[in-house]
C-alpha atoms as a PDB file:
ATOM      1  CA  MET A   1      -8.927 -12.705 -33.435  1.00  0.00           C
ATOM      2  CA  LEU A   2      -7.947 -16.322 -34.036  1.00  0.00           C
ATOM      3  CA  TRP A   3     -10.748 -17.489 -31.739  1.00  0.00           C
ATOM      4  CA  LEU A   4     -13.271 -15.322 -33.592  1.00  0.00           C
ATOM      5  CA  VAL A   5     -12.059 -16.470 -37.007  1.00  0.00           C
ATOM      6  CA  ALA A   6     -12.393 -20.098 -35.897  1.00  0.00           C
ATOM      7  CA  ALA A   7     -16.128 -19.511 -35.457  1.00  0.00           C
ATOM      8  CA  VAL A   8     -16.615 -17.369 -38.563  1.00  0.00           C
ATOM      9  CA  LEU A   9     -15.092 -19.953 -40.901  1.00  0.00           C
ATOM     10  CA  PRO A  10     -17.155 -23.018 -41.845  1.00  0.00           C
ATOM     11  CA  ASN A  11     -16.731 -25.278 -38.831  1.00  0.00           C
ATOM     12  CA  ASN A  12     -18.118 -28.365 -37.114  1.00  0.00           C
ATOM     13  CA  LEU A  13     -19.452 -26.596 -34.013  1.00  0.00           C
ATOM     14  CA  VAL A  14     -22.904 -27.496 -35.339  1.00  0.00           C
ATOM     15  CA  ASP A  15     -23.644 -31.217 -35.031  1.00  0.00           C
ATOM     16  CA  ASN A  16     -25.275 -32.413 -38.243  1.00  0.00           C
ATOM     17  CA  ILE A  17     -24.564 -36.120 -37.773  1.00  0.00           C
ATOM     18  CA  SER A  18     -27.768 -37.943 -38.682  1.00  0.00           C
ATOM     19  CA  THR A  19     -27.080 -40.904 -36.375  1.00  0.00           C
ATOM     20  CA  HIS A  20     -27.705 -38.704 -33.337  1.00  0.00           C
ATOM     21  CA  SER A  21     -31.202 -37.848 -32.172  1.00  0.00           C
ATOM     22  CA  ALA A  22     -32.464 -34.332 -32.753  1.00  0.00           C
ATOM     23  CA  ALA A  23     -32.399 -33.549 -29.025  1.00  0.00           C
ATOM     24  CA  LEU A  24     -28.798 -34.728 -28.737  1.00  0.00           C
ATOM     25  CA  ARG A  25     -27.714 -32.752 -31.803  1.00  0.00           C
ATOM     26  CA  TYR A  26     -29.348 -29.572 -30.549  1.00  0.00           C
ATOM     27  CA  THR A  27     -27.900 -30.016 -27.061  1.00  0.00           C
ATOM     28  CA  LEU A  28     -24.379 -30.630 -28.359  1.00  0.00           C
ATOM     29  CA  THR A  29     -24.576 -27.654 -30.707  1.00  0.00           C
ATOM     30  CA  ALA A  30     -25.883 -25.364 -27.958  1.00  0.00           C
ATOM     31  CA  GLU A  31     -23.202 -26.597 -25.540  1.00  0.00           C
ATOM     32  CA  LEU A  32     -20.364 -26.002 -28.004  1.00  0.00           C
ATOM     33  CA  TRP A  33     -21.496 -22.499 -28.873  1.00  0.00           C
ATOM     34  CA  LEU A  34     -22.044 -21.703 -25.199  1.00  0.00           C
ATOM     35  CA  LEU A  35     -18.492 -22.815 -24.383  1.00  0.00           C
ATOM     36  CA  TRP A  36     -17.158 -20.826 -27.343  1.00  0.00           C
ATOM     37  CA  THR A  37     -19.005 -17.729 -26.077  1.00  0.00           C
ATOM     38  CA  VAL A  38     -17.649 -18.211 -22.544  1.00  0.00           C
ATOM     39  CA  VAL A  39     -14.101 -18.266 -23.907  1.00  0.00           C
ATOM     40  CA  THR A  40     -14.786 -15.205 -26.061  1.00  0.00           C
ATOM     41  CA  VAL A  41     -15.952 -13.212 -23.042  1.00  0.00           C
ATOM     42  CA  ALA A  42     -12.966 -14.444 -21.009  1.00  0.00           C
ATOM     43  CA  LEU A  43     -10.576 -13.304 -23.741  1.00  0.00           C
ATOM     44  CA  TRP A  44     -12.240  -9.900 -23.891  1.00  0.00           C
ATOM     45  CA  VAL A  45     -12.340  -9.251 -20.128  1.00  0.00           C
ATOM     46  CA  HIS A  46      -8.781  -9.342 -18.814  1.00  0.00           C
ATOM     47  CA  ARG A  47      -8.739 -10.666 -15.250  1.00  0.00           C
ATOM     48  CA  PRO A  48      -7.006 -13.613 -13.524  1.00  0.00           C
ATOM     49  CA  ILE A  49     -10.309 -15.528 -13.325  1.00  0.00           C
ATOM     50  CA  SER A  50     -10.794 -14.935 -17.056  1.00  0.00           C
ATOM     51  CA  LEU A  51      -7.408 -16.518 -17.749  1.00  0.00           C
ATOM     52  CA  THR A  52      -8.377 -19.611 -15.749  1.00  0.00           C
ATOM     53  CA  VAL A  53     -11.701 -19.894 -17.576  1.00  0.00           C
ATOM     54  CA  ALA A  54     -10.103 -19.470 -21.002  1.00  0.00           C
ATOM     55  CA  ARG A  55      -7.380 -22.029 -20.285  1.00  0.00           C
ATOM     56  CA  CYS A  56      -9.891 -24.562 -18.958  1.00  0.00           C
ATOM     57  CA  VAL A  57     -12.628 -24.181 -21.582  1.00  0.00           C
ATOM     58  CA  ALA A  58     -10.820 -23.350 -24.853  1.00  0.00           C
ATOM     59  CA  PRO A  59      -9.108 -26.787 -25.105  1.00  0.00           C
ATOM     60  CA  VAL A  60     -12.511 -28.514 -24.753  1.00  0.00           C
ATOM     61  CA  VAL A  61     -13.916 -26.710 -27.805  1.00  0.00           C
ATOM     62  CA  THR A  62     -10.678 -27.167 -29.721  1.00  0.00           C
ATOM     63  CA  LEU A  63     -10.535 -30.907 -29.011  1.00  0.00           C
ATOM     64  CA  TYR A  64     -14.068 -31.345 -30.309  1.00  0.00           C
ATOM     65  CA  MET A  65     -13.246 -29.392 -33.460  1.00  0.00           C
ATOM     66  CA  LEU A  66     -10.238 -31.657 -34.049  1.00  0.00           C
ATOM     67  CA  THR A  67     -12.071 -34.914 -33.346  1.00  0.00           C
ATOM     68  CA  GLY A  68     -14.940 -33.797 -35.577  1.00  0.00           C
ATOM     69  CA  LEU A  69     -12.746 -33.342 -38.653  1.00  0.00           C
ATOM     70  CA  PRO A  70     -13.325 -36.906 -39.974  1.00  0.00           C
ATOM     71  CA  ASP A  71     -17.121 -36.395 -39.786  1.00  0.00           C
ATOM     72  CA  ALA A  72     -16.660 -33.129 -41.701  1.00  0.00           C
ATOM     73  CA  ASP A  73     -14.651 -35.036 -44.362  1.00  0.00           C
ATOM     74  CA  PHE A  74     -11.682 -32.809 -43.593  1.00  0.00           C
ATOM     75  CA  SER A  75     -13.214 -29.949 -45.530  1.00  0.00           C
ATOM     76  CA  VAL A  76     -11.056 -26.887 -46.061  1.00  0.00           C
ATOM     77  CA  GLY A  77     -13.231 -24.720 -43.845  1.00  0.00           C
ATOM     78  CA  ALA A  78     -13.299 -27.214 -40.968  1.00  0.00           C
ATOM     79  CA  VAL A  79      -9.524 -27.749 -41.116  1.00  0.00           C
ATOM     80  CA  ALA A  80      -8.856 -24.003 -41.237  1.00  0.00           C
ATOM     81  CA  SER A  81     -11.279 -23.393 -38.351  1.00  0.00           C
ATOM     82  CA  ALA A  82      -9.688 -26.109 -36.198  1.00  0.00           C
ATOM     83  CA  THR A  83      -6.218 -24.754 -37.020  1.00  0.00           C
ATOM     84  CA  CYS A  84      -7.221 -21.275 -35.861  1.00  0.00           C
ATOM     85  CA  ALA A  85      -8.612 -22.742 -32.650  1.00  0.00           C
ATOM     86  CA  VAL A  86      -5.361 -24.625 -32.000  1.00  0.00           C
ATOM     87  CA  MET A  87      -3.320 -21.482 -32.631  1.00  0.00           C
ATOM     88  CA  ALA A  88      -5.608 -19.522 -30.301  1.00  0.00           C
ATOM     89  CA  CYS A  89      -5.017 -22.116 -27.568  1.00  0.00           C
ATOM     90  CA  LEU A  90      -1.259 -21.787 -28.012  1.00  0.00           C
ATOM     91  CA  VAL A  91      -1.564 -18.021 -27.512  1.00  0.00           C
ATOM     92  CA  ILE A  92      -3.865 -18.453 -24.493  1.00  0.00           C
ATOM     93  CA  PHE A  93      -1.285 -20.680 -22.788  1.00  0.00           C
ATOM     94  CA  ASN A  94       1.585 -18.330 -23.640  1.00  0.00           C
ATOM     95  CA  GLY A  95       3.240 -16.691 -20.636  1.00  0.00           C
ATOM     96  CA  ASP A  96       3.131 -13.193 -22.136  1.00  0.00           C
ATOM     97  CA  TYR A  97      -0.596 -13.464 -22.707  1.00  0.00           C
ATOM     98  CA  GLY A  98      -1.149 -14.791 -19.184  1.00  0.00           C
ATOM     99  CA  SER A  99       0.733 -11.844 -17.725  1.00  0.00           C
ATOM    100  CA  VAL A 100      -1.665  -9.467 -19.478  1.00  0.00           C
ATOM    101  CA  HIS A 101      -4.572 -10.973 -17.546  1.00  0.00           C
ATOM    102  CA  VAL A 102      -2.890 -11.003 -14.138  1.00  0.00           C
ATOM    103  CA  GLN A 103      -1.591  -7.454 -14.629  1.00  0.00           C
ATOM    104  CA  ALA A 104      -5.134  -6.268 -15.423  1.00  0.00           C
ATOM    105  CA  GLY A 105      -6.128  -7.178 -11.865  1.00  0.00           C
ATOM    106  CA  ALA A 106      -3.198  -5.321 -10.269  1.00  0.00           C
ATOM    107  CA  TYR A 107      -3.697  -2.575  -7.710  1.00  0.00           C
ATOM    108  CA  GLY A 108      -2.116   0.860  -8.031  1.00  0.00           C
ATOM    109  CA  ASN A 109       1.580   0.747  -8.933  1.00  0.00           C
ATOM    110  CA  GLU A 110       1.870  -3.057  -8.849  1.00  0.00           C
ATOM    111  CA  LYS A 111       3.655  -4.871 -11.664  1.00  0.00           C
ATOM    112  CA  ARG A 112       2.854  -8.577 -11.742  1.00  0.00           C
ATOM    113  CA  TRP A 113       4.708 -11.450 -13.372  1.00  0.00           C
ATOM    114  CA  LEU A 114       2.822 -14.713 -13.690  1.00  0.00           C
ATOM    115  CA  LEU A 115       4.761 -17.696 -12.313  1.00  0.00           C
ATOM    116  CA  LYS A 116       5.251 -20.967 -14.162  1.00  0.00           C
ATOM    117  CA  VAL A 117       3.306 -24.037 -13.047  1.00  0.00           C
ATOM    118  CA  PRO A 118       5.471 -26.323 -10.867  1.00  0.00           C
ATOM    119  CA  VAL A 119       6.429 -29.523 -12.669  1.00  0.00           C
ATOM    120  CA  PRO A 120       5.122 -31.789  -9.839  1.00  0.00           C
ATOM    121  CA  MET A 121       1.715 -30.118 -10.255  1.00  0.00           C
ATOM    122  CA  LEU A 122       1.411 -30.756 -14.008  1.00  0.00           C
ATOM    123  CA  LEU A 123       0.075 -34.319 -13.856  1.00  0.00           C
ATOM    124  CA  PRO A 124      -2.470 -33.646 -11.054  1.00  0.00           C
ATOM    125  CA  MET A 125      -3.522 -30.497 -12.909  1.00  0.00           C
ATOM    126  CA  LEU A 126      -4.084 -32.356 -16.190  1.00  0.00           C
ATOM    127  CA  LEU A 127      -5.935 -35.205 -14.473  1.00  0.00           C
ATOM    128  CA  GLY A 128      -8.158 -32.808 -12.533  1.00  0.00           C
ATOM    129  CA  TRP A 129      -8.902 -30.733 -15.626  1.00  0.00           C
ATOM    130  CA  GLY A 130      -9.579 -33.836 -17.727  1.00  0.00           C
ATOM    131  CA  LEU A 131     -12.031 -35.240 -15.183  1.00  0.00           C
ATOM    132  CA  LEU A 132     -13.773 -31.879 -14.754  1.00  0.00           C
ATOM    133  CA  ALA A 133     -14.036 -31.254 -18.501  1.00  0.00           C
ATOM    134  CA  THR A 134     -15.238 -34.767 -19.288  1.00  0.00           C
ATOM    135  CA  VAL A 135     -17.955 -34.927 -16.628  1.00  0.00           C
ATOM    136  CA  CYS A 136     -19.256 -31.393 -17.225  1.00  0.00           C
ATOM    137  CA  SER A 137     -19.265 -31.852 -21.016  1.00  0.00           C
ATOM    138  CA  PHE A 138     -21.012 -35.230 -21.134  1.00  0.00           C
ATOM    139  CA  THR A 139     -23.623 -34.621 -18.426  1.00  0.00           C
ATOM    140  CA  PRO A 140     -25.918 -32.441 -20.647  1.00  0.00           C
ATOM    141  CA  LEU A 141     -25.597 -35.003 -23.451  1.00  0.00           C
ATOM    142  CA  LEU A 142     -26.603 -37.849 -21.124  1.00  0.00           C
ATOM    143  CA  LEU A 143     -29.659 -35.902 -20.015  1.00  0.00           C
ATOM    144  CA  ALA A 144     -30.562 -35.058 -23.613  1.00  0.00           C
ATOM    145  CA  SER A 145     -30.287 -38.708 -24.649  1.00  0.00           C
ATOM    146  CA  GLY A 146     -32.796 -39.763 -21.989  1.00  0.00           C
ATOM    147  CA  ARG A 147     -30.323 -41.407 -19.601  1.00  0.00           C
ATOM    148  CA  GLY A 148     -31.730 -39.778 -16.509  1.00  0.00           C
ATOM    149  CA  VAL A 149     -29.937 -41.829 -13.875  1.00  0.00           C
ATOM    150  CA  MET A 150     -26.487 -41.378 -15.403  1.00  0.00           C
ATOM    151  CA  GLY A 151     -27.275 -37.746 -16.111  1.00  0.00           C
ATOM    152  CA  GLY A 152     -28.282 -37.207 -12.482  1.00  0.00           C
ATOM    153  CA  VAL A 153     -25.030 -38.766 -11.313  1.00  0.00           C
ATOM    154  CA  GLY A 154     -23.216 -36.474 -13.740  1.00  0.00           C
ATOM    155  CA  VAL A 155     -24.965 -33.415 -12.305  1.00  0.00           C
ATOM    156  CA  VAL A 156     -23.850 -34.357  -8.789  1.00  0.00           C
ATOM    157  CA  LEU A 157     -20.291 -35.099  -9.907  1.00  0.00           C
ATOM    158  CA  SER A 158     -20.158 -31.847 -11.885  1.00  0.00           C
ATOM    159  CA  GLY A 159     -21.151 -29.893  -8.801  1.00  0.00           C
ATOM    160  CA  VAL A 160     -18.559 -31.646  -6.645  1.00  0.00           C
ATOM    161  CA  LEU A 161     -15.793 -31.147  -9.228  1.00  0.00           C
ATOM    162  CA  LEU A 162     -16.657 -27.478  -9.750  1.00  0.00           C
ATOM    163  CA  TRP A 163     -16.556 -27.008  -5.982  1.00  0.00           C
ATOM    164  CA  ARG A 164     -13.341 -28.942  -5.321  1.00  0.00           C
ATOM    165  CA  VAL A 165     -11.239 -29.036  -8.507  1.00  0.00           C
ATOM    166  CA  ALA A 166     -11.995 -25.709 -10.193  1.00  0.00           C
ATOM    167  CA  PRO A 167     -10.673 -23.588  -7.279  1.00  0.00           C
ATOM    168  CA  GLN A 168      -7.478 -25.653  -7.231  1.00  0.00           C
ATOM    169  CA  LEU A 169      -6.949 -24.964 -10.933  1.00  0.00           C
ATOM    170  CA  HIS A 170      -7.543 -21.262 -10.312  1.00  0.00           C
ATOM    171  CA  ARG A 171      -4.885 -21.272  -7.557  1.00  0.00           C
ATOM    172  CA  LEU A 172      -2.286 -21.991 -10.240  1.00  0.00           C
ATOM    173  CA  THR A 173      -3.249 -18.715 -11.917  1.00  0.00           C
ATOM    174  CA  LEU A 174      -3.016 -16.754  -8.654  1.00  0.00           C
ATOM    175  CA  ARG A 175       0.772 -17.125  -8.466  1.00  0.00           C
ATOM    176  CA  TRP A 176       2.696 -13.901  -9.053  1.00  0.00           C
ATOM    177  CA  LEU A 177       5.974 -12.176  -8.459  1.00  0.00           C
ATOM    178  CA  VAL A 178       4.940  -8.580  -7.809  1.00  0.00           C
ATOM    179  CA  ARG A 179       6.978  -5.389  -7.865  1.00  0.00           C
ATOM    180  CA  VAL A 180       5.530  -2.790  -5.506  1.00  0.00           C
ATOM    181  CA  PRO A 181       6.909   0.630  -4.530  1.00  0.00           C
ATOM    182  CA  ALA A 182       8.334  -0.823  -1.298  1.00  0.00           C
ATOM    183  CA  GLY A 183      10.071  -3.763  -2.992  1.00  0.00           C
ATOM    184  CA  TRP A 184       9.008  -7.209  -4.215  1.00  0.00           C
ATOM    185  CA  LEU A 185       6.080  -9.391  -3.154  1.00  0.00           C
ATOM    186  CA  MET A 186       5.872 -13.165  -3.554  1.00  0.00           C
ATOM    187  CA  HIS A 187       2.227 -14.217  -3.935  1.00  0.00           C
ATOM    188  CA  ASP A 188       1.919 -17.987  -4.225  1.00  0.00           C
ATOM    189  CA  GLU A 189      -0.642 -20.024  -2.273  1.00  0.00           C
ATOM    190  CA  VAL A 190       0.725 -23.269  -3.738  1.00  0.00           C
ATOM    191  CA  VAL A 191       4.302 -22.952  -2.480  1.00  0.00           C
ATOM    192  CA  LEU A 192       3.897 -20.493   0.404  1.00  0.00           C
ATOM    193  CA  ALA A 193       1.859 -20.731   3.591  1.00  0.00           C
ATOM    194  CA  GLU A 194       1.782 -16.933   3.605  1.00  0.00           C
ATOM    195  CA  ASN A 195       3.001 -14.293   1.180  1.00  0.00           C
ATOM    196  CA  PHE A 196       6.043 -12.187   1.993  1.00  0.00           C
ATOM    197  CA  VAL A 197       7.528  -8.851   0.945  1.00  0.00           C
ATOM    198  CA  VAL A 198      11.222  -8.169   0.343  1.00  0.00           C
ATOM    199  CA  GLN A 199      12.087  -4.543   0.991  1.00  0.00           C
ATOM    200  CA  LYS A 200      13.764  -2.758  -1.909  1.00  0.00           C
ATOM    201  CA  THR A 201      16.707  -1.794   0.297  1.00  0.00           C
ATOM    202  CA  ASN A 202      17.278  -5.460   1.189  1.00  0.00           C
ATOM    203  CA  ILE A 203      17.828  -6.610  -2.412  1.00  0.00           C
ATOM    204  CA  VAL A 204      21.401  -7.045  -3.615  1.00  0.00           C
ATOM    205  CA  SER A 205      20.712  -8.421  -7.097  1.00  0.00           C
ATOM    206  CA  ILE A 206      18.074  -9.999  -9.342  1.00  0.00           C
ATOM    207  CA  GLY A 207      19.192 -12.195 -12.224  1.00  0.00           C
ATOM    208  CA  ALA A 208      19.314 -15.626 -13.808  1.00  0.00           C
ATOM    209  CA  ALA A 209      20.259 -18.334 -11.317  1.00  0.00           C
ATOM    210  CA  LEU A 210      23.472 -20.304 -11.673  1.00  0.00           C
ATOM    211  CA  ALA A 211      23.337 -24.079 -11.933  1.00  0.00           C
ATOM    212  CA  ASP A 212      25.141 -24.573  -8.592  1.00  0.00           C
ATOM    213  CA  THR A 213      23.171 -21.987  -6.623  1.00  0.00           C
ATOM    214  CA  GLU A 214      22.226 -22.814  -3.037  1.00  0.00           C
ATOM    215  CA  ALA A 215      19.254 -20.438  -2.947  1.00  0.00           C
ATOM    216  CA  LEU A 216      15.908 -21.732  -1.686  1.00  0.00           C
ATOM    217  CA  ASP A 217      13.974 -23.050  -4.684  1.00  0.00           C
ATOM    218  CA  LEU A 218      10.562 -21.382  -4.545  1.00  0.00           C
ATOM    219  CA  SER A 219      10.125 -22.099  -8.260  1.00  0.00           C
ATOM    220  CA  ALA A 220       8.968 -25.603  -7.241  1.00  0.00           C
ATOM    221  CA  MET A 221      11.092 -27.343  -9.853  1.00  0.00           C
ATOM    222  CA  THR A 222       9.782 -25.568 -12.942  1.00  0.00           C
ATOM    223  CA  LYS A 223      11.339 -25.892 -16.380  1.00  0.00           C
ATOM    224  CA  GLY A 224      13.837 -23.307 -17.608  1.00  0.00           C
ATOM    225  CA  VAL A 225      16.260 -21.021 -15.814  1.00  0.00           C
ATOM    226  CA  PRO A 226      14.733 -19.502 -12.657  1.00  0.00           C
ATOM    227  CA  VAL A 227      15.371 -15.974 -11.370  1.00  0.00           C
ATOM    228  CA  GLU A 228      17.458 -15.611  -8.221  1.00  0.00           C
ATOM    229  CA  LEU A 229      17.002 -12.803  -5.709  1.00  0.00           C
ATOM    230  CA  GLN A 230      20.025 -12.176  -3.483  1.00  0.00           C
ATOM    231  CA  LEU A 231      19.353 -10.360  -0.200  1.00  0.00           C
ATOM    232  CA  ARG A 232      21.473  -8.396   2.287  1.00  0.00           C
ATOM    233  CA  GLU A 233      19.671  -9.699   5.342  1.00  0.00           C
ATOM    234  CA  MET A 234      17.798 -12.928   5.971  1.00  0.00           C
ATOM    235  CA  ILE A 235      14.024 -13.018   5.747  1.00  0.00           C
ATOM    236  CA  GLU A 236      11.538 -15.533   7.089  1.00  0.00           C
ATOM    237  CA  VAL A 237       9.778 -17.738   4.533  1.00  0.00           C
ATOM    238  CA  ARG A 238       6.842 -19.939   5.513  1.00  0.00           C
ATOM    239  CA  LEU A 239       6.325 -22.849   3.132  1.00  0.00           C
ATOM    240  CA  SER A 240       3.120 -24.695   2.388  1.00  0.00           C
ATOM    241  CA  PRO A 241       2.975 -28.396   3.340  1.00  0.00           C
ATOM    242  CA  PHE A 242       3.324 -29.262  -0.375  1.00  0.00           C
ATOM    243  CA  ALA A 243       6.539 -27.220  -0.755  1.00  0.00           C
ATOM    244  CA  ALA A 244       7.993 -28.458   2.538  1.00  0.00           C
ATOM    245  CA  ARG A 245       7.502 -32.085   1.465  1.00  0.00           C
ATOM    246  CA  MET A 246       8.872 -31.454  -2.006  1.00  0.00           C
ATOM    247  CA  LEU A 247      11.970 -29.623  -0.743  1.00  0.00           C
ATOM    248  CA  LYS A 248      12.326 -32.034   2.205  1.00  0.00           C
ATOM    249  CA  THR A 249      12.801 -29.215   4.665  1.00  0.00           C
ATOM    250  CA  LEU A 250      11.075 -27.354   7.494  1.00  0.00           C
ATOM    251  CA  ASP A 251       8.001 -25.255   6.853  1.00  0.00           C
ATOM    252  CA  VAL A 252       9.643 -22.107   8.297  1.00  0.00           C
ATOM    253  CA  LEU A 253      13.041 -21.045   6.972  1.00  0.00           C
ATOM    254  CA  HIS A 254      15.318 -18.012   7.134  1.00  0.00           C
ATOM    255  CA  VAL A 255      16.949 -17.393   3.753  1.00  0.00           C
ATOM    256  CA  ARG A 256      19.247 -14.878   2.104  1.00  0.00           C
ATOM    257  CA  ALA A 257      18.504 -15.947  -1.467  1.00  0.00           C
ATOM    258  CA  PHE A 258      15.589 -17.641  -3.223  1.00  0.00           C
ATOM    259  CA  LEU A 259      14.532 -18.705  -6.690  1.00  0.00           C
ATOM    260  CA  VAL A 260      11.322 -17.909  -8.567  1.00  0.00           C
ATOM    261  CA  ALA A 261      10.229 -18.814 -12.105  1.00  0.00           C
ATOM    262  CA  PRO A 262       8.174 -16.051 -13.762  1.00  0.00           C
ATOM    263  CA  THR A 263       6.911 -16.653 -17.287  1.00  0.00           C
ATOM    264  CA  ARG A 264       8.739 -13.452 -18.271  1.00  0.00           C
ATOM    265  CA  HIS A 265      11.994 -12.137 -16.858  1.00  0.00           C
ATOM    266  CA  PRO A 266      11.311  -9.105 -14.605  1.00  0.00           C
END
């Protein structure tokens, strides 16, 4: 509703700045409304890919609405519209809202909990998103302004970034702790080389981890208190190269306890 209200209120999604050429104004206006529509569809259709799209595209529209406030003379409508967009972004990045999207793609009796983004991945994620958003946003404007060579380079770079960076950003959404009838499943292509299932009969306890715990940290150094799963018997865990380097350990371990960091406590 906040995202819809942001468009209904008087806003600066339409470029009326006279210093820009007509072609550039029309292109920018069409691009902004197209991005707004993409986010609207992503918010309506609950799926993991929709969550990735909403989290990647909504900040682009919101940033433009904020940077365009001076040109709109900070009118009441523009400020209220930008405020609604900011509030919508805060909801989109909320863990509870993210879990709604990942749960919508669950199979059968699965119950999914979205995992927090590892702290070491935050800076690469922001840099990758910033580069992707900047190149893809400015390329149509370069073409509309008659800068064909730079626009052509932007088209090539946009294709490369969509091919290489976008899937990596989506991988951060495809990280779940899953409760299935047989037990618990850890689905995380960032930290794990392969997913694993813990049988329900092998679980001793699930609860907040203590500060001095020696459990294997599969939360990848996320903020907050992780959840610790204590097991009766050891299980084999295969780590990804990223996790093995970060934890300074082998890529195959046998553990009796491990930590995860869901956005909501299971």
